[in-house]
Amino acid sequence: MRDYHINIFFSEEDGGYIADIPDLAHCAAFGETPEQALDEVLKAKAAWIEAAQAEGKPVPPPSFRPAIYQVPPVPA
């Protein structure tokens, strides 16, 4: 089963960690540690999906793959 890709990075400006889910527009969260940011963004993901479904809006399937995980096609 595929799930959404999550980015976690340290923000000097905010003085903590930001986690976001690229496939879900504006779905992001803050934490003082990477683990806290991850926990918070998982809550945000559930709320994002629940709100979209309640309003009859589409929920995009997981599709984001960072360039470092892309596998180039093999020539025939």
N, C-alpha and C. Protein backbone atom coordinates (compact mmCIF):
# COMPACT_ATOMS: atom_id res chain seq x y z
N MET A 1 0.83 -1.18 0.00
CA MET A 1 0.00 0.00 0.00
C MET A 1 0.88 1.25 0.00
N ARG A 2 0.58 2.17 -0.86
CA ARG A 2 1.30 3.44 -0.92
C ARG A 2 0.67 4.44 0.02
N ASP A 3 1.49 5.27 0.60
CA ASP A 3 0.98 6.35 1.45
C ASP A 3 1.61 7.65 0.96
N TYR A 4 1.17 8.73 1.52
CA TYR A 4 1.67 10.04 1.12
C TYR A 4 3.11 10.27 1.58
N HIS A 5 3.89 10.87 0.69
CA HIS A 5 5.25 11.25 1.03
C HIS A 5 5.20 12.43 2.00
N ILE A 6 6.06 12.41 3.01
CA ILE A 6 6.13 13.48 3.99
C ILE A 6 7.54 14.05 4.00
N ASN A 7 7.65 15.37 3.87
CA ASN A 7 8.93 16.07 4.01
C ASN A 7 9.02 16.59 5.43
N ILE A 8 10.19 16.48 6.04
CA ILE A 8 10.43 17.07 7.36
C ILE A 8 11.76 17.81 7.27
N PHE A 9 11.74 19.07 7.68
CA PHE A 9 12.96 19.87 7.63
C PHE A 9 13.00 20.86 8.77
N PHE A 10 14.20 21.29 9.14
CA PHE A 10 14.35 22.27 10.20
C PHE A 10 14.21 23.66 9.62
N SER A 11 13.44 24.50 10.29
CA SER A 11 13.24 25.89 9.87
C SER A 11 13.93 26.81 10.87
N GLU A 12 15.00 27.46 10.43
CA GLU A 12 15.69 28.43 11.28
C GLU A 12 14.72 29.55 11.68
N GLU A 13 13.93 29.99 10.72
CA GLU A 13 13.00 31.10 10.95
C GLU A 13 11.99 30.77 12.05
N ASP A 14 11.49 29.54 12.05
CA ASP A 14 10.48 29.14 13.03
C ASP A 14 11.09 28.52 14.28
N GLY A 15 12.36 28.15 14.20
CA GLY A 15 13.03 27.55 15.35
C GLY A 15 12.52 26.16 15.69
N GLY A 16 12.14 25.42 14.68
CA GLY A 16 11.65 24.05 14.89
C GLY A 16 11.52 23.34 13.57
N TYR A 17 10.84 22.22 13.59
CA TYR A 17 10.70 21.36 12.42
C TYR A 17 9.35 21.53 11.75
N ILE A 18 9.37 21.55 10.45
CA ILE A 18 8.16 21.64 9.63
C ILE A 18 8.02 20.30 8.90
N ALA A 19 6.81 19.77 8.90
CA ALA A 19 6.49 18.58 8.12
C ALA A 19 5.38 18.95 7.15
N ASP A 20 5.50 18.52 5.92
CA ASP A 20 4.42 18.77 4.97
C ASP A 20 4.21 17.57 4.07
N ILE A 21 3.02 17.55 3.46
CA ILE A 21 2.64 16.48 2.54
C ILE A 21 2.37 17.13 1.19
N PRO A 22 3.29 17.00 0.23
CA PRO A 22 3.16 17.70 -1.06
C PRO A 22 1.88 17.38 -1.83
N ASP A 23 1.36 16.18 -1.71
CA ASP A 23 0.15 15.82 -2.45
C ASP A 23 -1.11 16.48 -1.91
N LEU A 24 -1.08 16.95 -0.67
CA LEU A 24 -2.25 17.57 -0.04
C LEU A 24 -1.95 19.05 0.16
N ALA A 25 -2.52 19.88 -0.68
CA ALA A 25 -2.22 21.32 -0.68
C ALA A 25 -2.35 21.93 0.71
N HIS A 26 -1.30 22.61 1.12
CA HIS A 26 -1.26 23.35 2.39
C HIS A 26 -1.37 22.46 3.63
N CYS A 27 -1.09 21.19 3.50
CA CYS A 27 -1.12 20.28 4.65
C CYS A 27 0.28 20.24 5.25
N ALA A 28 0.44 20.96 6.36
CA ALA A 28 1.75 21.06 7.01
C ALA A 28 1.56 21.20 8.51
N ALA A 29 2.63 20.96 9.25
CA ALA A 29 2.57 21.06 10.71
C ALA A 29 3.94 21.40 11.25
N PHE A 30 3.97 21.83 12.50
CA PHE A 30 5.18 22.26 13.19
C PHE A 30 5.42 21.39 14.41
N GLY A 31 6.69 21.18 14.74
CA GLY A 31 7.05 20.48 15.97
C GLY A 31 8.42 20.92 16.44
N GLU A 32 8.67 20.79 17.72
CA GLU A 32 9.99 21.15 18.26
C GLU A 32 11.03 20.09 17.91
N THR A 33 10.58 18.87 17.59
CA THR A 33 11.46 17.79 17.16
C THR A 33 10.89 17.22 15.86
N PRO A 34 11.71 16.47 15.10
CA PRO A 34 11.17 15.84 13.90
C PRO A 34 10.01 14.90 14.22
N GLU A 35 10.11 14.20 15.34
CA GLU A 35 9.05 13.26 15.73
C GLU A 35 7.74 13.99 16.03
N GLN A 36 7.84 15.14 16.69
CA GLN A 36 6.63 15.92 16.98
C GLN A 36 6.02 16.46 15.69
N ALA A 37 6.87 16.93 14.78
CA ALA A 37 6.36 17.43 13.50
C ALA A 37 5.66 16.32 12.73
N LEU A 38 6.23 15.12 12.74
CA LEU A 38 5.60 13.99 12.06
C LEU A 38 4.26 13.65 12.69
N ASP A 39 4.21 13.58 14.01
CA ASP A 39 2.96 13.28 14.70
C ASP A 39 1.89 14.31 14.36
N GLU A 40 2.28 15.57 14.34
CA GLU A 40 1.31 16.64 14.04
C GLU A 40 0.84 16.61 12.59
N VAL A 41 1.75 16.32 11.65
CA VAL A 41 1.32 16.31 10.26
C VAL A 41 0.44 15.09 9.97
N LEU A 42 0.61 14.00 10.70
CA LEU A 42 -0.30 12.86 10.53
C LEU A 42 -1.70 13.22 11.00
N LYS A 43 -1.80 14.00 12.07
CA LYS A 43 -3.12 14.50 12.52
C LYS A 43 -3.70 15.44 11.47
N ALA A 44 -2.85 16.32 10.91
CA ALA A 44 -3.30 17.26 9.89
C ALA A 44 -3.78 16.52 8.63
N LYS A 45 -3.07 15.44 8.28
CA LYS A 45 -3.48 14.64 7.11
C LYS A 45 -4.87 14.06 7.31
N ALA A 46 -5.12 13.49 8.48
CA ALA A 46 -6.43 12.91 8.77
C ALA A 46 -7.52 13.98 8.70
N ALA A 47 -7.23 15.15 9.27
CA ALA A 47 -8.21 16.24 9.25
C ALA A 47 -8.43 16.76 7.83
N TRP A 48 -7.35 16.84 7.04
CA TRP A 48 -7.43 17.32 5.66
C TRP A 48 -8.35 16.39 4.86
N ILE A 49 -8.09 15.09 4.96
CA ILE A 49 -8.89 14.11 4.20
C ILE A 49 -10.33 14.12 4.66
N GLU A 50 -10.56 14.17 5.96
CA GLU A 50 -11.92 14.19 6.50
C GLU A 50 -12.69 15.43 6.02
N ALA A 51 -12.05 16.58 6.03
CA ALA A 51 -12.70 17.82 5.59
C ALA A 51 -13.02 17.77 4.10
N ALA A 52 -12.08 17.27 3.29
CA ALA A 52 -12.32 17.17 1.85
C ALA A 52 -13.50 16.24 1.57
N GLN A 53 -13.53 15.09 2.23
CA GLN A 53 -14.62 14.14 2.02
C GLN A 53 -15.95 14.72 2.48
N ALA A 54 -15.96 15.44 3.60
CA ALA A 54 -17.20 16.04 4.12
C ALA A 54 -17.76 17.08 3.15
N GLU A 55 -16.87 17.75 2.41
CA GLU A 55 -17.32 18.77 1.45
C GLU A 55 -17.46 18.22 0.04
N GLY A 56 -17.28 16.91 -0.13
CA GLY A 56 -17.42 16.29 -1.44
C GLY A 56 -16.30 16.65 -2.40
N LYS A 57 -15.16 17.07 -1.87
CA LYS A 57 -14.02 17.42 -2.72
C LYS A 57 -13.15 16.19 -2.92
N PRO A 58 -12.46 16.11 -4.06
CA PRO A 58 -11.62 14.94 -4.32
C PRO A 58 -10.39 14.91 -3.41
N VAL A 59 -10.01 13.70 -3.05
CA VAL A 59 -8.78 13.48 -2.28
C VAL A 59 -7.78 12.87 -3.25
N PRO A 60 -6.69 13.59 -3.54
CA PRO A 60 -5.74 13.05 -4.51
C PRO A 60 -5.05 11.80 -3.98
N PRO A 61 -4.81 10.85 -4.87
CA PRO A 61 -4.06 9.66 -4.44
C PRO A 61 -2.60 10.03 -4.22
N PRO A 62 -1.88 9.25 -3.43
CA PRO A 62 -0.45 9.51 -3.26
C PRO A 62 0.26 9.40 -4.59
N SER A 63 1.03 10.42 -4.94
CA SER A 63 1.74 10.37 -6.22
C SER A 63 3.11 11.01 -6.14
N PHE A 64 3.34 11.89 -5.18
CA PHE A 64 4.60 12.63 -5.11
C PHE A 64 5.75 11.69 -4.82
N ARG A 65 6.81 11.83 -5.64
CA ARG A 65 8.04 11.06 -5.42
C ARG A 65 9.20 12.02 -5.62
N PRO A 66 9.97 12.28 -4.59
CA PRO A 66 11.12 13.17 -4.75
C PRO A 66 12.07 12.67 -5.83
N ALA A 67 12.78 13.59 -6.43
CA ALA A 67 13.70 13.24 -7.52
C ALA A 67 14.72 12.19 -7.11
N ILE A 68 15.13 12.18 -5.85
CA ILE A 68 16.14 11.20 -5.44
C ILE A 68 15.59 9.78 -5.43
N TYR A 69 14.26 9.63 -5.47
CA TYR A 69 13.67 8.30 -5.48
C TYR A 69 13.15 7.92 -6.86
N GLN A 70 13.28 8.80 -7.83
CA GLN A 70 12.81 8.53 -9.18
C GLN A 70 13.77 7.52 -9.83
N VAL A 71 13.21 6.61 -10.53
CA VAL A 71 14.01 5.64 -11.26
C VAL A 71 13.84 5.95 -12.74
N PRO A 72 14.94 6.26 -13.44
CA PRO A 72 14.81 6.58 -14.86
C PRO A 72 14.36 5.36 -15.66
N PRO A 73 13.61 5.59 -16.73
CA PRO A 73 13.18 4.46 -17.55
C PRO A 73 14.38 3.77 -18.20
N VAL A 74 14.29 2.49 -18.33
CA VAL A 74 15.35 1.70 -18.96
C VAL A 74 15.12 1.71 -20.46
N PRO A 75 16.15 2.11 -21.23
CA PRO A 75 15.97 2.11 -22.69
C PRO A 75 15.72 0.70 -23.23
N ALA A 76 14.90 0.61 -24.23
CA ALA A 76 14.56 -0.69 -24.82
C ALA A 76 15.62 -1.18 -25.76
